[in-house]
C-alpha atoms as a PDB file:
ATOM      1  CA  MET A   1      47.579 118.816 139.760  1.00  0.00           C
ATOM      2  CA  ARG A   2      48.387 122.191 138.203  1.00  0.00           C
ATOM      3  CA  SER A   3      46.905 123.025 134.802  1.00  0.00           C
ATOM      4  CA  ILE A   4      47.522 125.828 132.309  1.00  0.00           C
ATOM      5  CA  PHE A   5      43.745 126.163 132.106  1.00  0.00           C
ATOM      6  CA  ASP A   6      43.637 127.530 135.692  1.00  0.00           C
ATOM      7  CA  LYS A   7      43.985 131.319 135.825  1.00  0.00           C
ATOM      8  CA  SER A   8      46.294 131.321 138.846  1.00  0.00           C
ATOM      9  CA  THR A   9      48.622 128.855 137.110  1.00  0.00           C
ATOM     10  CA  ARG A  10      48.643 130.938 133.909  1.00  0.00           C
ATOM     11  CA  ASP A  11      49.399 134.053 135.934  1.00  0.00           C
ATOM     12  CA  GLU A  12      52.295 132.286 137.672  1.00  0.00           C
ATOM     13  CA  VAL A  13      53.717 131.024 134.362  1.00  0.00           C
ATOM     14  CA  ILE A  14      53.478 134.510 132.834  1.00  0.00           C
ATOM     15  CA  GLY A  15      55.181 135.972 135.899  1.00  0.00           C
ATOM     16  CA  ARG A  16      58.021 133.481 135.502  1.00  0.00           C
ATOM     17  CA  ILE A  17      58.276 134.254 131.769  1.00  0.00           C
ATOM     18  CA  ASN A  18      58.586 137.914 132.718  1.00  0.00           C
ATOM     19  CA  THR A  19      61.635 137.141 134.890  1.00  0.00           C
ATOM     20  CA  LEU A  20      63.571 135.829 131.879  1.00  0.00           C
ATOM     21  CA  SER A  21      66.002 138.161 130.169  1.00  0.00           C
ATOM     22  CA  LYS A  22      67.967 137.921 126.948  1.00  0.00           C
ATOM     23  CA  ASN A  23      70.982 137.160 129.148  1.00  0.00           C
ATOM     24  CA  SER A  24      69.386 134.192 130.962  1.00  0.00           C
ATOM     25  CA  THR A  25      71.535 131.096 130.611  1.00  0.00           C
ATOM     26  CA  ALA A  26      70.510 127.456 130.513  1.00  0.00           C
ATOM     27  CA  ARG A  27      71.205 125.106 133.395  1.00  0.00           C
ATOM     28  CA  TRP A  28      71.138 122.267 130.857  1.00  0.00           C
ATOM     29  CA  GLY A  29      70.593 121.762 127.140  1.00  0.00           C
ATOM     30  CA  LYS A  30      71.817 123.555 124.043  1.00  0.00           C
ATOM     31  CA  MET A  31      69.123 126.180 123.430  1.00  0.00           C
ATOM     32  CA  THR A  32      69.580 129.868 124.111  1.00  0.00           C
ATOM     33  CA  VAL A  33      66.837 131.581 126.083  1.00  0.00           C
ATOM     34  CA  ALA A  34      65.393 133.089 122.876  1.00  0.00           C
ATOM     35  CA  GLN A  35      65.366 129.663 121.208  1.00  0.00           C
ATOM     36  CA  MET A  36      63.623 128.137 124.241  1.00  0.00           C
ATOM     37  CA  VAL A  37      60.963 130.854 124.264  1.00  0.00           C
ATOM     38  CA  LYS A  38      60.328 130.365 120.539  1.00  0.00           C
ATOM     39  CA  HIS A  39      60.237 126.568 121.030  1.00  0.00           C
ATOM     40  CA  CYS A  40      57.584 126.948 123.723  1.00  0.00           C
ATOM     41  CA  ALA A  41      55.521 129.328 121.571  1.00  0.00           C
ATOM     42  CA  LYS A  42      55.681 126.835 118.680  1.00  0.00           C
ATOM     43  CA  CYS A  43      54.382 124.167 121.050  1.00  0.00           C
ATOM     44  CA  GLU A  44      51.508 126.415 122.184  1.00  0.00           C
ATOM     45  CA  GLU A  45      50.591 126.980 118.525  1.00  0.00           C
ATOM     46  CA  TYR A  46      50.540 123.197 118.131  1.00  0.00           C
ATOM     47  CA  TYR A  47      48.147 122.762 121.075  1.00  0.00           C
ATOM     48  CA  TYR A  48      45.836 125.329 119.451  1.00  0.00           C
ATOM     49  CA  GLY A  49      45.853 123.227 116.266  1.00  0.00           C
ATOM     50  CA  ASN A  50      47.897 125.674 114.178  1.00  0.00           C
ATOM     51  CA  VAL A  51      50.796 123.246 113.612  1.00  0.00           C
ATOM     52  CA  LYS A  52      50.263 119.766 112.201  1.00  0.00           C
ATOM     53  CA  VAL A  53      52.492 116.875 113.259  1.00  0.00           C
ATOM     54  CA  LYS A  54      52.050 113.220 112.322  1.00  0.00           C
ATOM     55  CA  ARG A  55      51.973 110.598 115.066  1.00  0.00           C
ATOM     56  CA  SER A  56      55.361 108.989 115.610  1.00  0.00           C
ATOM     57  CA  LEU A  57      55.925 105.251 115.584  1.00  0.00           C
ATOM     58  CA  HIS A  58      57.737 105.437 118.930  1.00  0.00           C
ATOM     59  CA  GLY A  59      54.817 107.404 120.299  1.00  0.00           C
ATOM     60  CA  ARG A  60      52.335 104.793 119.156  1.00  0.00           C
ATOM     61  CA  LEU A  61      54.404 102.180 120.979  1.00  0.00           C
ATOM     62  CA  PHE A  62      55.416 104.054 124.132  1.00  0.00           C
ATOM     63  CA  GLY A  63      53.325 107.244 124.301  1.00  0.00           C
ATOM     64  CA  LYS A  64      50.600 106.098 126.687  1.00  0.00           C
ATOM     65  CA  GLY A  65      53.128 104.898 129.252  1.00  0.00           C
ATOM     66  CA  ALA A  66      55.204 108.050 128.879  1.00  0.00           C
ATOM     67  CA  ILE A  67      52.298 110.421 129.490  1.00  0.00           C
ATOM     68  CA  LYS A  68      51.213 108.429 132.545  1.00  0.00           C
ATOM     69  CA  ALA A  69      54.726 108.801 133.964  1.00  0.00           C
ATOM     70  CA  ILE A  70      54.850 112.553 133.238  1.00  0.00           C
ATOM     71  CA  LEU A  71      51.413 113.192 134.764  1.00  0.00           C
ATOM     72  CA  LYS A  72      51.803 110.744 137.666  1.00  0.00           C
ATOM     73  CA  ASP A  73      51.935 113.451 140.331  1.00  0.00           C
ATOM     74  CA  GLU A  74      53.076 117.013 141.031  1.00  0.00           C
ATOM     75  CA  SER A  75      56.748 116.052 141.216  1.00  0.00           C
ATOM     76  CA  SER A  76      56.861 113.981 138.016  1.00  0.00           C
ATOM     77  CA  GLY A  77      57.785 115.568 134.710  1.00  0.00           C
ATOM     78  CA  PHE A  78      60.357 115.713 131.930  1.00  0.00           C
ATOM     79  CA  LYS A  79      63.931 114.528 132.061  1.00  0.00           C
ATOM     80  CA  LYS A  80      66.646 116.991 131.140  1.00  0.00           C
ATOM     81  CA  ASN A  81      67.426 116.932 127.414  1.00  0.00           C
ATOM     82  CA  ALA A  82      64.242 114.981 126.601  1.00  0.00           C
ATOM     83  CA  PRO A  83      63.805 114.500 122.836  1.00  0.00           C
ATOM     84  CA  THR A  84      61.279 116.446 120.790  1.00  0.00           C
ATOM     85  CA  SER A  85      59.936 116.373 117.267  1.00  0.00           C
ATOM     86  CA  PRO A  86      62.186 118.162 114.740  1.00  0.00           C
ATOM     87  CA  ILE A  87      59.236 120.461 113.993  1.00  0.00           C
ATOM     88  CA  PHE A  88      59.601 122.050 117.446  1.00  0.00           C
ATOM     89  CA  ARG A  89      63.372 122.455 117.376  1.00  0.00           C
ATOM     90  CA  VAL A  90      64.611 126.021 116.967  1.00  0.00           C
ATOM     91  CA  HIS A  91      67.935 126.566 115.247  1.00  0.00           C
ATOM     92  CA  GLU A  92      67.782 130.289 114.412  1.00  0.00           C
ATOM     93  CA  GLU A  93      70.532 132.230 116.130  1.00  0.00           C
ATOM     94  CA  ASP A  94      69.420 135.838 115.595  1.00  0.00           C
ATOM     95  CA  LEU A  95      66.033 135.938 117.341  1.00  0.00           C
ATOM     96  CA  ASP A  96      64.385 138.989 118.862  1.00  0.00           C
ATOM     97  CA  PHE A  97      64.044 137.830 122.479  1.00  0.00           C
ATOM     98  CA  GLU A  98      61.471 140.461 123.489  1.00  0.00           C
ATOM     99  CA  LYS A  99      59.271 139.700 120.473  1.00  0.00           C
ATOM    100  CA  GLU A 100      59.442 135.944 121.090  1.00  0.00           C
ATOM    101  CA  ARG A 101      58.729 136.342 124.804  1.00  0.00           C
ATOM    102  CA  ALA A 102      55.718 138.581 124.122  1.00  0.00           C
ATOM    103  CA  ALA A 103      54.339 136.020 121.650  1.00  0.00           C
ATOM    104  CA  TRP A 104      54.686 133.204 124.207  1.00  0.00           C
ATOM    105  CA  ARG A 105      52.978 135.262 126.925  1.00  0.00           C
ATOM    106  CA  GLN A 106      50.077 136.040 124.600  1.00  0.00           C
ATOM    107  CA  LEU A 107      49.640 132.369 123.735  1.00  0.00           C
ATOM    108  CA  ILE A 108      49.616 131.436 127.434  1.00  0.00           C
ATOM    109  CA  GLU A 109      46.951 134.090 128.098  1.00  0.00           C
ATOM    110  CA  ARG A 110      44.774 132.665 125.299  1.00  0.00           C
ATOM    111  CA  TYR A 111      44.349 129.392 127.202  1.00  0.00           C
ATOM    112  CA  GLU A 112      41.590 131.200 129.094  1.00  0.00           C
ATOM    113  CA  THR A 113      39.351 130.584 126.060  1.00  0.00           C
ATOM    114  CA  PHE A 114      40.685 127.145 124.984  1.00  0.00           C
ATOM    115  CA  ASN A 115      37.601 125.099 124.100  1.00  0.00           C
ATOM    116  CA  HIS A 116      38.783 121.707 122.819  1.00  0.00           C
ATOM    117  CA  GLU A 117      37.802 118.776 125.034  1.00  0.00           C
ATOM    118  CA  THR A 118      40.310 116.366 123.497  1.00  0.00           C
ATOM    119  CA  PHE A 119      43.669 116.564 121.748  1.00  0.00           C
ATOM    120  CA  THR A 120      45.763 114.048 119.816  1.00  0.00           C
ATOM    121  CA  HIS A 121      49.425 114.558 120.649  1.00  0.00           C
ATOM    122  CA  TRP A 122      52.094 113.542 118.126  1.00  0.00           C
ATOM    123  CA  PHE A 123      53.765 111.295 120.714  1.00  0.00           C
ATOM    124  CA  PHE A 124      51.292 110.616 123.539  1.00  0.00           C
ATOM    125  CA  GLY A 125      48.178 110.075 121.427  1.00  0.00           C
ATOM    126  CA  ASP A 126      44.679 110.962 122.589  1.00  0.00           C
ATOM    127  CA  MET A 127      44.557 113.234 125.626  1.00  0.00           C
ATOM    128  CA  THR A 128      41.678 114.757 127.566  1.00  0.00           C
ATOM    129  CA  LYS A 129      41.586 118.509 128.118  1.00  0.00           C
ATOM    130  CA  GLU A 130      42.528 117.871 131.749  1.00  0.00           C
ATOM    131  CA  GLN A 131      45.608 115.853 130.729  1.00  0.00           C
ATOM    132  CA  LEU A 132      46.579 118.445 128.129  1.00  0.00           C
ATOM    133  CA  GLY A 133      46.336 121.311 130.614  1.00  0.00           C
ATOM    134  CA  GLN A 134      48.541 119.463 133.093  1.00  0.00           C
ATOM    135  CA  PHE A 135      51.008 118.495 130.371  1.00  0.00           C
ATOM    136  CA  ILE A 136      51.287 122.049 129.005  1.00  0.00           C
ATOM    137  CA  TYR A 137      51.980 123.350 132.504  1.00  0.00           C
ATOM    138  CA  LYS A 138      54.681 120.725 133.074  1.00  0.00           C
ATOM    139  CA  HIS A 139      56.284 121.553 129.713  1.00  0.00           C
ATOM    140  CA  CYS A 140      56.357 125.275 130.529  1.00  0.00           C
ATOM    141  CA  ASP A 141      57.642 124.558 134.039  1.00  0.00           C
ATOM    142  CA  HIS A 142      60.409 122.329 132.659  1.00  0.00           C
ATOM    143  CA  HIS A 143      61.728 125.019 130.329  1.00  0.00           C
ATOM    144  CA  LEU A 144      61.332 127.848 132.821  1.00  0.00           C
ATOM    145  CA  LYS A 145      63.357 125.835 135.355  1.00  0.00           C
ATOM    146  CA  GLN A 146      65.898 125.176 132.593  1.00  0.00           C
ATOM    147  CA  PHE A 147      66.574 128.935 132.601  1.00  0.00           C
ATOM    148  CA  GLY A 148      66.221 129.513 136.329  1.00  0.00           C
ATOM    149  CA  ALA A 149      62.761 131.061 136.250  1.00  0.00           C
END
């Protein structure tokens, strides 16, 4: 399965990010392209440990099953309009798209040196580095598809 920790996958994701423009429109959901890019960058910061989020009660109850379903195979993933923690929601309207896109690209590139073997996700709980890499790719892929990239 594809992982953000593989160079070829990172290169592909960055190439798809580069195809986005400030005029890209969503196929579903309420976010603008700039809000989506900032949302994804906030999530990358979280995976690096720079954003703290408490475990959710729903996650404690359903997280293990949910991550198994998302990582089941190459074709599994997120449903359109899947919920997220309020911490990762972006409501700002006047964002600098180019600045936000550059920040997201840089964070994706930094996965080359990611050195944590485990991660505790706010919803899914404890994850191995392998699971996290696959999950991050699927999250990026979901949002890039949302905007036709």
